[in-house]
Structures are given as structure tokens and as C-alpha cells.
Amino acid sequence: MARHLKTARSEADRAEDQAKIRATVETILADIAARGDVAVRELSIKFDNWDRKDYRLTDAEIRSAMGELSARNISDIKFAQEQVRNFAQHQKDALRDIEVETLPGIVLGHKNIPVNAVGCYVPGGKYPLLASAHMSVVTAKVAGVKRIITAAPPFQGKLPSAIIAAQHLAGADEIYSLGGIQAVGAMALGTGSIASVDMLVGPGNAFVAEAKRQLFGRVGIDLFAGPTETLVIADDTVDGELCATDLLGQAEHGPNSPAILLTNSEKLARETMAEIERLLKILPTAAIAAKAWADYGEVIVCDSEEEMVREADRIASEHVQVMTRAPDYFLANMTNYGALFLGPRTNVSFGDKVIGTNHTLPTLKAARYTGGLWVGKFLKTCTYQRVLTDAASAMIGEYCSRLCMLEGFVGHAEQANVRVRRYGGRNVPYGEAAE
């Protein structure tokens, strides 16, 4: 039976925090919907101390931001984006339009049609997540989205050069210097100066995530996102330092980021806990990581790999790092995860920044029913049908007529009956099922 050597905050405490965020976001989105640009400007001044006449960046500002980066910086960004582009293109190549004749004269098909306009949020601040521009903009470009706009907050009264460069190199059509609820609200709802989009993507803090949740339906979204999560599955083939490093490497995302060790070795579990305490004394981001570990860290010891799989599927973590004798066992048997990182040579940071798989992944147990952002999220698979012959129309019409009457939908049945009469030469009385 699985045993907890360390537990996290209760679900009740987490729900109370979320309720406060929900009320704040609802009020702000209503204000943006009512007052548009005026509300967005006031919110930008209030939350980011950032005031501009026009929040869209000019070509000159973009060139200036690009000029602040070294040639190595630019080269590294291009390398990462090329990896994302390559994998997204392979994913798109796996999709295809189809058209098949399912019965004589009955042709059915589907087309994969890109969303017309997408808004990509790129988190900023002390740790600018420029990789989010790769993951959203590049992938949308590969899908064929016609209009891609981006928004990222300023930092300490300045434009974030690295994020701007990443957005521009990825192919963003419009780049805005806006953060938080006001950014996603403006993109989704539209304002006098910002045309609305059809879909919102990209990670953000708890307020951004809640804003996307409340806007869902008015626009599409990539995922219902929560704090970054990591699960390390390990056995005695690795050591405590490796496990601790991988846990804290994701815990530094935020003070409410869950970091969980799942192992069948109590010795490794205790070594990892000791290593975490040692590393927290030297990690520059220890203030955040320590809070996350204290409140949301867990250590679970299992008796077998089978039990580890069951626990991992229950947790349904965003990131799952597998460092065991047989990592492919978990690939073959696990069903609930955002992304797997198999073996000690890889890690979540590779996926976050550069290797090519998308880092926008399901959290809050959403991995039970969805995968992460990929090229297919930007495509609508839309069906169509055509009937080529009179005989086919009459034949399918007879079935349709009877099934509609079975449900009590007489008007539906008449749509079928009129074709049975016209194309099949049958005398079907109005309002009756075809015999």
C-alpha cells in the first residue's frame, strides 16, 4: 500500500484560494467588456504601472528589442523554435483530410480547417517565459492560423526584449505590451484598438488561468491551466541528488507548484528529502521553491511498479519524469499524464525550453481527459456530406424518415420524406414514416 512520507495542503484550503481569485477575475472581465480600451489602460496602470497611448508595439520597438540581444541569444531562440516547428510539422503531417464513399452514392468527408485568429499570452516578470512564444506562436503558424497576436507584460517599466524577440521570430502578426487579466480579456473580448480573437492559448498565473476559464465559450482555449506540476517516478537506479534537482527545478515556477516523488525505495525517498533541504540552501530561487515544497510537495513510497502506475494515474500530473530500470514499462501502462520524460538523460526542463515537444500541458488532473497543446488544437475537424444519386437519396431518406418518427420529430421526417417522394418516386403521406 502506498505510504506518504510527506503530504501537501488540503483540497479545502486550495478551493478557498481559488474562490477569491474567481470573484476578482469576474469583476475585471465585466469592466473590460463594458469599457474596452479605457478599462484596459486603467488596469495596466494599476497592476503593471504601465501606461501607453497604444499597447501594440511598433516595428521600431521590435527592432530595438531584437538589437538588445546577442547573436548567441538570437541563435538559441531560433534553434528552440526550429525544434518546436519540426515536431509540430510532423504532427500536422499525421493529420489528413478524408473523403470516402461509405455506401453507393453516399460521400462523407472531413477537412482540417485552421482557426482564423489566435491570441497567445506569454508570461513575463522576473523570469520571462519566452519559450511560451515558441510553443504557442510557432505551433499556430504550422497549423495555418491566419492572424496570431501576442501579449506579454512589461517588467519594471521596460519592454521585455527576449520575449519580444521570441514573439517576433516565431511569426506573431501583432505584439502587445499587456499583462494579466487585462491582456487575455482584451484579446478575447476585443477593444477599440484590439480586434478580438477566436482562441486563447498560453500559460499564466492563477488570475490569467481563471480569466481563460471564464472566457471559455466566448472563445476557445488550449487548456484549463493550473500551477506547474511535476511528478518524479524513481527507483534505486538513481540517487537523491538527481531526484531532488528535478523536483526543485519545477517547484521554482511558483509557491503553489506541486512537486511529488513516487518511488518504491524508502531509502531513495529519504535521501531525496535530505538533498532537497541541502539544495534549498544554495538554490537562488529557493524562496519560491521552498514554499512550493513545504505546501505542495509530497513523497509517496509504493511496494511495486504496478502500484506506482496506479498512483501516477491517480495523480495525473502535468510532467512525469521516469527514472527507473524499465522506463518503457510506464510508457506502456500509464494513461494519465501531460508529458513523459523517460530515463535520467532527459528531464522536464528539456521539454519546457528546447527539445521540441510542447510545454503547454494539462494540470489539475485534466490529463485524465486531454493531452497538451499541439498543432491539432488550432485545427477544426469539420465534416461534410454529399449524395450523388437519386437512388442513394431515396434509400437513406427512408431510414431517416423512420428514425425521425421514432423520436417524434415530424419536421425532421419530412426533410427525408420530400426526397423519398422526389427522388424515389414513392407516395409517402405527409407526416408519416416511409415504409
Protein backbone atom coordinates (compact mmCIF):
# COMPACT_ATOMS: atom_id res chain seq x y z
CA MET A 1 0.00 0.00 0.00
CA ALA A 2 1.25 3.49 -0.87
CA ARG A 3 2.55 5.46 2.13
CA HIS A 4 3.02 9.21 2.36
CA LEU A 5 6.26 10.36 3.97
CA LYS A 6 5.22 13.95 3.20
CA THR A 7 1.80 15.44 2.38
CA ALA A 8 0.59 18.71 0.80
CA ARG A 9 -2.02 21.35 1.68
CA SER A 10 -5.62 20.17 1.83
CA GLU A 11 -8.02 20.45 -1.10
CA ALA A 12 -10.28 22.67 1.05
CA ASP A 13 -7.52 25.24 1.53
CA ARG A 14 -6.81 25.28 -2.20
CA ALA A 15 -10.50 25.74 -3.03
CA GLU A 16 -10.74 28.75 -0.71
CA ASP A 17 -7.84 30.43 -2.50
CA GLN A 18 -9.48 29.80 -5.88
CA ALA A 19 -12.81 31.29 -4.81
CA LYS A 20 -11.17 34.64 -4.08
CA ILE A 21 -9.42 34.66 -7.46
CA ARG A 22 -12.66 33.78 -9.25
CA ALA A 23 -14.52 36.79 -7.86
CA THR A 24 -11.72 39.23 -8.73
CA VAL A 25 -11.47 37.99 -12.31
CA GLU A 26 -15.22 38.12 -12.89
CA THR A 27 -15.34 41.79 -11.90
CA ILE A 28 -12.39 42.76 -14.09
CA LEU A 29 -13.63 40.94 -17.19
CA ALA A 30 -17.03 42.63 -16.87
CA ASP A 31 -15.27 46.01 -16.73
CA ILE A 32 -13.24 45.24 -19.88
CA ALA A 33 -16.37 44.12 -21.72
CA ALA A 34 -18.16 47.35 -20.76
CA ARG A 35 -15.41 49.95 -21.19
CA GLY A 36 -12.88 48.39 -23.57
CA ASP A 37 -9.65 50.32 -24.06
CA VAL A 38 -10.36 52.67 -21.15
CA ALA A 39 -10.63 49.77 -18.71
CA VAL A 40 -7.57 48.03 -20.15
CA ARG A 41 -5.48 51.16 -19.76
CA GLU A 42 -6.60 51.70 -16.16
CA LEU A 43 -5.85 48.08 -15.31
CA SER A 44 -2.42 48.24 -16.92
CA ILE A 45 -1.57 51.32 -14.87
CA LYS A 46 -2.94 49.74 -11.69
CA PHE A 47 -1.30 46.31 -11.94
CA ASP A 48 1.82 46.95 -14.03
CA ASN A 49 2.38 50.70 -13.56
CA TRP A 50 2.44 50.79 -17.37
CA ASP A 51 0.79 53.48 -19.47
CA ARG A 52 0.90 53.82 -23.24
CA LYS A 53 -1.27 55.51 -25.83
CA ASP A 54 -1.17 52.33 -27.92
CA TYR A 55 -0.18 48.99 -26.37
CA ARG A 56 0.72 47.45 -29.71
CA LEU A 57 4.47 47.53 -30.31
CA THR A 58 5.77 49.40 -33.34
CA ASP A 59 8.22 47.93 -35.84
CA ALA A 60 10.87 50.26 -34.42
CA GLU A 61 10.30 48.96 -30.89
CA ILE A 62 10.55 45.38 -32.11
CA ARG A 63 13.82 46.13 -33.94
CA SER A 64 15.16 47.85 -30.82
CA ALA A 65 14.32 44.83 -28.65
CA MET A 66 15.99 42.50 -31.13
CA GLY A 67 19.08 44.70 -31.03
CA GLU A 68 19.41 44.27 -27.28
CA LEU A 69 20.04 40.54 -27.63
CA SER A 70 23.37 38.99 -28.54
CA ALA A 71 23.87 36.93 -31.68
CA ARG A 72 24.08 33.85 -29.44
CA ASN A 73 20.74 34.74 -27.83
CA ILE A 74 19.07 35.05 -31.21
CA SER A 75 20.67 31.82 -32.43
CA ASP A 76 19.50 29.92 -29.36
CA ILE A 77 15.92 31.19 -29.75
CA LYS A 78 15.92 30.19 -33.41
CA PHE A 79 17.25 26.73 -32.53
CA ALA A 80 14.50 26.13 -29.97
CA GLN A 81 11.81 27.37 -32.34
CA GLU A 82 13.08 25.13 -35.11
CA GLN A 83 12.73 22.07 -32.84
CA VAL A 84 9.15 23.04 -31.97
CA ARG A 85 8.39 23.74 -35.64
CA ASN A 86 9.81 20.41 -36.79
CA PHE A 87 7.80 18.35 -34.31
CA ALA A 88 4.61 20.33 -34.94
CA GLN A 89 5.02 19.77 -38.68
CA HIS A 90 5.39 16.02 -38.12
CA GLN A 91 2.21 16.13 -36.03
CA LYS A 92 0.36 18.02 -38.75
CA ASP A 93 1.58 15.56 -41.37
CA ALA A 94 -0.08 12.80 -39.34
CA LEU A 95 -3.45 14.52 -39.87
CA ARG A 96 -5.22 14.39 -43.20
CA ASP A 97 -8.45 15.40 -44.84
CA ILE A 98 -10.57 12.43 -45.84
CA GLU A 99 -13.40 11.74 -48.31
CA VAL A 100 -14.93 8.28 -48.59
CA GLU A 101 -17.92 6.71 -50.33
CA THR A 102 -19.46 4.83 -47.41
CA LEU A 103 -22.43 3.50 -49.42
CA PRO A 104 -23.12 3.67 -53.16
CA GLY A 105 -23.74 7.34 -53.89
CA ILE A 106 -23.10 8.49 -50.28
CA VAL A 107 -19.91 10.53 -49.86
CA LEU A 108 -18.69 11.68 -46.44
CA GLY A 109 -15.58 13.63 -45.57
CA HIS A 110 -13.82 15.94 -43.19
CA LYS A 111 -11.47 18.87 -43.56
CA ASN A 112 -8.96 20.15 -41.00
CA ILE A 113 -9.52 23.91 -41.01
CA PRO A 114 -7.25 26.28 -39.02
CA VAL A 115 -8.77 28.67 -36.50
CA ASN A 116 -8.78 32.17 -38.02
CA ALA A 117 -7.40 34.25 -35.15
CA VAL A 118 -5.47 33.23 -32.02
CA GLY A 119 -4.27 35.24 -29.02
CA CYS A 120 -1.12 33.94 -27.33
CA TYR A 121 -0.29 35.01 -23.78
CA VAL A 122 3.40 34.93 -22.83
CA PRO A 123 4.11 35.28 -19.09
CA GLY A 124 6.76 37.80 -18.11
CA GLY A 125 8.16 39.29 -14.93
CA LYS A 126 11.41 38.39 -13.25
CA TYR A 127 11.51 35.08 -15.15
CA PRO A 128 10.26 35.80 -18.69
CA LEU A 129 8.90 32.62 -20.23
CA LEU A 130 9.93 33.34 -23.80
CA ALA A 131 9.64 29.60 -24.51
CA SER A 132 5.87 30.08 -24.34
CA ALA A 133 6.12 32.13 -27.52
CA HIS A 134 7.75 29.17 -29.27
CA MET A 135 5.11 26.76 -28.06
CA SER A 136 2.07 28.84 -28.99
CA VAL A 137 3.01 31.06 -31.94
CA VAL A 138 5.19 28.57 -33.83
CA THR A 139 2.65 25.77 -33.42
CA ALA A 140 -0.23 28.02 -34.55
CA LYS A 141 1.82 29.06 -37.59
CA VAL A 142 2.40 25.43 -38.57
CA ALA A 143 -1.35 24.82 -38.24
CA GLY A 144 -2.00 27.66 -40.68
CA VAL A 145 -3.67 30.23 -38.39
CA LYS A 146 -4.08 33.47 -40.37
CA ARG A 147 -3.82 36.03 -37.54
CA ILE A 148 -1.71 35.44 -34.45
CA ILE A 149 -1.43 38.13 -31.79
CA THR A 150 0.63 38.03 -28.63
CA ALA A 151 0.64 39.81 -25.30
CA ALA A 152 3.32 39.90 -22.62
CA PRO A 153 3.63 42.21 -19.62
CA PRO A 154 6.34 44.82 -19.17
CA PHE A 155 8.86 44.33 -16.39
CA GLN A 156 9.87 47.18 -14.12
CA GLY A 157 8.68 49.76 -16.62
CA LYS A 158 10.53 48.28 -19.59
CA LEU A 159 9.70 46.17 -22.59
CA PRO A 160 10.94 42.56 -22.20
CA SER A 161 13.45 42.28 -25.05
CA ALA A 162 13.86 38.50 -25.02
CA ILE A 163 10.11 37.85 -25.09
CA ILE A 164 9.62 40.39 -27.87
CA ALA A 165 12.37 38.76 -29.91
CA ALA A 166 10.83 35.32 -29.41
CA GLN A 167 7.37 36.55 -30.38
CA HIS A 168 8.71 38.26 -33.49
CA LEU A 169 10.93 35.39 -34.62
CA ALA A 170 8.07 32.95 -34.08
CA GLY A 171 5.94 34.94 -36.52
CA ALA A 172 3.46 36.93 -34.42
CA ASP A 173 1.41 39.34 -36.55
CA GLU A 174 0.67 41.79 -33.70
CA ILE A 175 2.62 42.15 -30.45
CA TYR A 176 1.08 43.90 -27.44
CA SER A 177 2.70 45.03 -24.21
CA LEU A 178 -0.04 43.98 -21.82
CA GLY A 179 -0.13 41.57 -18.92
CA GLY A 180 -2.53 39.68 -16.71
CA ILE A 181 -6.32 39.64 -16.87
CA GLN A 182 -6.36 42.81 -18.97
CA ALA A 183 -4.28 41.12 -21.68
CA VAL A 184 -6.35 37.97 -22.11
CA GLY A 185 -9.57 39.92 -21.60
CA ALA A 186 -8.67 42.42 -24.32
CA MET A 187 -7.69 39.69 -26.78
CA ALA A 188 -10.82 37.64 -26.16
CA LEU A 189 -13.40 40.40 -25.84
CA GLY A 190 -11.87 42.94 -28.18
CA THR A 191 -11.49 46.65 -27.54
CA GLY A 192 -11.48 49.73 -29.73
CA SER A 193 -7.83 49.15 -30.63
CA ILE A 194 -7.58 45.33 -30.41
CA ALA A 195 -9.71 43.09 -32.62
CA SER A 196 -10.95 40.03 -30.78
CA VAL A 197 -9.59 36.54 -31.43
CA ASP A 198 -11.28 33.15 -31.71
CA MET A 199 -8.98 31.27 -29.33
CA LEU A 200 -6.69 31.99 -26.37
CA VAL A 201 -3.59 29.95 -25.60
CA GLY A 202 -0.58 30.14 -23.30
CA PRO A 203 0.17 29.74 -19.60
CA GLY A 204 -0.09 32.40 -16.91
CA ASN A 205 -0.57 32.97 -13.21
CA ALA A 206 -3.69 31.98 -11.30
CA PHE A 207 -5.55 35.11 -12.41
CA VAL A 208 -4.75 34.56 -16.09
CA ALA A 209 -5.79 30.91 -15.82
CA GLU A 210 -9.08 31.86 -14.18
CA ALA A 211 -9.72 34.55 -16.80
CA LYS A 212 -9.28 31.97 -19.56
CA ARG A 213 -11.66 29.64 -17.75
CA GLN A 214 -14.33 32.34 -17.52
CA LEU A 215 -13.82 33.37 -21.16
CA PHE A 216 -14.12 29.80 -22.44
CA GLY A 217 -17.19 29.53 -24.63
CA ARG A 218 -16.91 33.07 -25.88
CA VAL A 219 -13.55 31.94 -27.26
CA GLY A 220 -11.78 28.61 -27.39
CA ILE A 221 -8.84 27.93 -25.08
CA ASP A 222 -5.99 25.48 -25.10
CA LEU A 223 -6.41 24.10 -21.58
CA PHE A 224 -7.84 24.83 -18.15
CA ALA A 225 -4.48 25.59 -16.58
CA GLY A 226 -3.29 25.49 -13.01
CA PRO A 227 0.14 25.79 -11.41
CA THR A 228 3.04 23.82 -12.90
CA GLU A 229 3.11 20.23 -11.64
CA THR A 230 5.88 17.67 -11.63
CA LEU A 231 5.95 14.02 -10.65
CA VAL A 232 9.24 12.14 -10.39
CA ILE A 233 8.93 8.36 -10.57
CA ALA A 234 12.20 6.75 -9.49
CA ASP A 235 13.76 3.61 -8.12
CA ASP A 236 17.17 2.79 -6.66
CA THR A 237 18.90 3.05 -10.05
CA VAL A 238 19.20 6.81 -9.44
CA ASP A 239 20.23 8.91 -6.47
CA GLY A 240 18.69 11.58 -4.27
CA GLU A 241 20.52 14.47 -5.92
CA LEU A 242 19.03 13.75 -9.33
CA CYS A 243 15.51 13.40 -7.91
CA ALA A 244 15.80 16.50 -5.74
CA THR A 245 17.14 18.59 -8.61
CA ASP A 246 14.28 17.59 -10.89
CA LEU A 247 11.67 18.30 -8.22
CA LEU A 248 13.04 21.73 -7.27
CA GLY A 249 13.64 22.63 -10.90
CA GLN A 250 9.87 22.74 -11.36
CA ALA A 251 8.94 23.89 -7.85
CA GLU A 252 10.64 27.22 -8.63
CA HIS A 253 7.78 28.03 -11.03
CA GLY A 254 5.66 29.25 -8.15
CA PRO A 255 4.81 28.85 -4.46
CA ASN A 256 1.83 26.62 -5.28
CA SER A 257 3.53 24.28 -7.76
CA PRO A 258 3.10 20.63 -6.72
CA ALA A 259 6.28 18.53 -6.76
CA ILE A 260 5.84 14.84 -5.97
CA LEU A 261 8.28 11.95 -5.61
CA LEU A 262 6.87 8.49 -6.24
CA THR A 263 9.24 5.63 -5.51
CA ASN A 264 9.46 2.01 -4.41
CA SER A 265 12.62 2.73 -2.40
CA GLU A 266 12.19 4.29 1.03
CA LYS A 267 15.96 4.78 1.14
CA LEU A 268 15.81 6.91 -2.02
CA ALA A 269 12.80 8.79 -0.66
CA ARG A 270 14.64 9.84 2.48
CA GLU A 271 17.84 10.65 0.57
CA THR A 272 15.84 12.87 -1.77
CA MET A 273 14.19 14.74 1.09
CA ALA A 274 17.61 15.37 2.64
CA GLU A 275 19.02 16.52 -0.72
CA ILE A 276 16.11 18.93 -1.14
CA GLU A 277 16.94 20.57 2.17
CA ARG A 278 20.62 20.83 1.13
CA LEU A 279 19.84 22.31 -2.29
CA LEU A 280 17.39 24.81 -0.87
CA LYS A 281 20.30 26.40 0.96
CA ILE A 282 22.12 27.19 -2.30
CA LEU A 283 19.37 27.50 -4.94
CA PRO A 284 18.93 31.16 -5.98
CA THR A 285 15.18 30.63 -6.38
CA ALA A 286 14.89 28.88 -3.02
CA ALA A 287 12.37 31.35 -1.59
CA ILE A 288 9.77 30.22 -4.11
CA ALA A 289 10.82 26.58 -4.38
CA ALA A 290 10.91 26.12 -0.60
CA LYS A 291 7.38 27.44 -0.24
CA ALA A 292 6.15 25.15 -3.00
CA TRP A 293 7.89 22.17 -1.45
CA ALA A 294 6.61 22.94 2.05
CA ASP A 295 2.97 23.40 0.99
CA TYR A 296 2.64 21.25 -2.12
CA GLY A 297 5.48 18.72 -2.01
CA GLU A 298 4.72 15.05 -1.48
CA VAL A 299 6.76 11.88 -1.07
CA ILE A 300 4.99 8.57 -1.70
CA VAL A 301 6.53 5.13 -1.24
CA CYS A 302 4.98 2.19 -3.10
CA ASP A 303 5.56 -1.54 -2.90
CA SER A 304 5.80 -2.26 -6.64
CA GLU A 305 5.93 -0.75 -10.11
CA GLU A 306 2.29 -1.74 -10.62
CA GLU A 307 1.32 0.30 -7.57
CA MET A 308 3.45 3.19 -8.80
CA VAL A 309 1.49 3.20 -12.08
CA ARG A 310 -1.81 3.25 -10.19
CA GLU A 311 -0.66 6.15 -8.01
CA ALA A 312 0.75 8.04 -11.01
CA ASP A 313 -2.55 7.70 -12.89
CA ARG A 314 -4.43 8.90 -9.80
CA ILE A 315 -2.18 11.96 -9.55
CA ALA A 316 -2.45 12.64 -13.33
CA SER A 317 0.48 15.06 -13.27
CA GLU A 318 1.39 17.59 -15.93
CA HIS A 319 5.05 16.49 -16.11
CA VAL A 320 6.17 12.96 -15.28
CA GLN A 321 9.89 12.22 -15.05
CA VAL A 322 10.54 8.45 -15.07
CA MET A 323 13.94 7.26 -13.83
CA THR A 324 13.65 3.52 -13.28
CA ARG A 325 15.18 0.29 -14.54
CA ALA A 326 12.48 -0.03 -17.18
CA PRO A 327 11.01 3.39 -18.02
CA ASP A 328 9.18 1.93 -21.03
CA TYR A 329 7.01 -0.03 -18.59
CA PHE A 330 5.46 3.29 -17.55
CA LEU A 331 5.11 4.41 -21.17
CA ALA A 332 3.22 1.20 -21.92
CA ASN A 333 1.00 1.23 -18.84
CA MET A 334 0.37 4.80 -17.71
CA THR A 335 -2.72 6.56 -19.09
CA ASN A 336 -2.96 9.89 -17.23
CA TYR A 337 -0.14 12.39 -17.82
CA GLY A 338 0.65 15.56 -19.73
CA ALA A 339 4.10 14.51 -20.96
CA LEU A 340 6.51 11.71 -20.08
CA PHE A 341 10.27 12.21 -19.76
CA LEU A 342 11.78 8.76 -19.96
CA GLY A 343 15.13 7.95 -18.39
CA PRO A 344 17.68 10.02 -16.47
CA ARG A 345 19.24 11.53 -19.62
CA THR A 346 16.18 13.68 -20.27
CA ASN A 347 14.22 15.96 -17.94
CA VAL A 348 11.28 18.34 -17.80
CA SER A 349 13.45 21.39 -18.47
CA PHE A 350 14.36 19.99 -21.91
CA GLY A 351 10.64 19.85 -22.73
CA ASP A 352 9.97 23.26 -21.22
CA LYS A 353 12.57 25.06 -23.27
CA VAL A 354 14.04 23.41 -26.33
CA ILE A 355 13.63 19.76 -27.26
CA GLY A 356 10.55 20.27 -29.45
CA THR A 357 7.55 18.78 -27.64
CA ASN A 358 5.04 21.39 -26.46
CA HIS A 359 5.27 22.62 -22.88
CA THR A 360 1.65 23.77 -22.56
CA LEU A 361 0.23 20.72 -20.80
CA PRO A 362 -2.81 19.68 -18.74
CA THR A 363 -2.81 20.36 -15.00
CA LEU A 364 -5.28 19.89 -12.13
CA LYS A 365 -5.90 16.27 -13.17
CA ALA A 366 -7.04 17.30 -16.66
CA ALA A 367 -4.61 14.71 -18.02
CA ARG A 368 -7.40 12.22 -17.31
CA TYR A 369 -9.24 13.51 -20.40
CA THR A 370 -6.90 15.61 -22.57
CA GLY A 371 -3.37 15.94 -23.79
CA GLY A 372 -1.45 19.18 -24.14
CA LEU A 373 -1.26 21.91 -26.75
CA TRP A 374 -0.35 20.63 -30.19
CA VAL A 375 -0.91 21.58 -33.80
CA GLY A 376 -4.29 19.82 -33.78
CA LYS A 377 -5.63 22.24 -31.12
CA PHE A 378 -5.54 25.00 -33.73
CA LEU A 379 -7.45 22.92 -36.29
CA LYS A 380 -11.19 22.36 -36.51
CA THR A 381 -12.07 18.97 -37.97
CA CYS A 382 -15.24 19.82 -39.89
CA THR A 383 -17.37 17.23 -41.66
CA TYR A 384 -19.36 17.41 -44.89
CA GLN A 385 -21.58 15.10 -46.92
CA ARG A 386 -22.88 14.82 -50.47
CA VAL A 387 -25.39 12.43 -52.04
CA LEU A 388 -24.59 11.68 -55.66
CA THR A 389 -27.61 9.76 -56.96
CA ASP A 390 -31.39 9.79 -56.73
CA ALA A 391 -31.37 6.21 -55.57
CA ALA A 392 -28.96 6.95 -52.71
CA SER A 393 -31.04 9.94 -51.55
CA ALA A 394 -34.23 7.90 -51.53
CA MET A 395 -32.62 4.94 -49.79
CA ILE A 396 -31.03 6.92 -46.96
CA GLY A 397 -34.20 9.04 -46.77
CA GLU A 398 -36.35 6.02 -45.92
CA TYR A 399 -34.14 5.09 -42.98
CA CYS A 400 -34.01 8.72 -41.84
CA SER A 401 -37.79 9.11 -42.07
CA ARG A 402 -38.49 6.12 -39.85
CA LEU A 403 -35.83 7.05 -37.29
CA CYS A 404 -37.13 10.63 -37.07
CA MET A 405 -40.68 9.45 -36.47
CA LEU A 406 -39.39 7.06 -33.79
CA GLU A 407 -38.11 10.17 -31.99
CA GLY A 408 -41.28 12.17 -32.65
CA PHE A 409 -39.60 14.73 -34.94
CA VAL A 410 -42.15 15.05 -37.74
CA GLY A 411 -40.46 18.06 -39.33
CA HIS A 412 -37.19 16.17 -39.48
CA ALA A 413 -39.01 13.23 -41.06
CA GLU A 414 -40.48 15.45 -43.75
CA GLN A 415 -36.98 16.60 -44.74
CA ALA A 416 -36.35 12.96 -45.57
CA ASN A 417 -39.83 12.25 -47.00
CA VAL A 418 -39.77 15.01 -49.57
CA ARG A 419 -36.63 13.45 -51.03
CA VAL A 420 -38.12 9.98 -50.96
CA ARG A 421 -41.06 11.34 -52.97
CA ARG A 422 -38.96 13.43 -55.33
CA TYR A 423 -36.01 11.12 -55.97
CA GLY A 424 -37.55 7.73 -55.23
CA GLY A 425 -40.99 8.16 -56.75
CA ARG A 426 -42.62 6.94 -53.52
CA ASN A 427 -46.02 8.18 -52.29
CA VAL A 428 -45.25 8.88 -48.61
CA PRO A 429 -48.17 10.67 -46.88
CA TYR A 430 -47.21 13.95 -45.19
CA GLY A 431 -46.29 13.45 -41.55
CA GLU A 432 -45.91 9.68 -41.78
CA ALA A 433 -42.87 7.45 -41.82
CA ALA A 434 -41.64 5.97 -45.07
CA GLU A 435 -42.43 2.27 -45.24
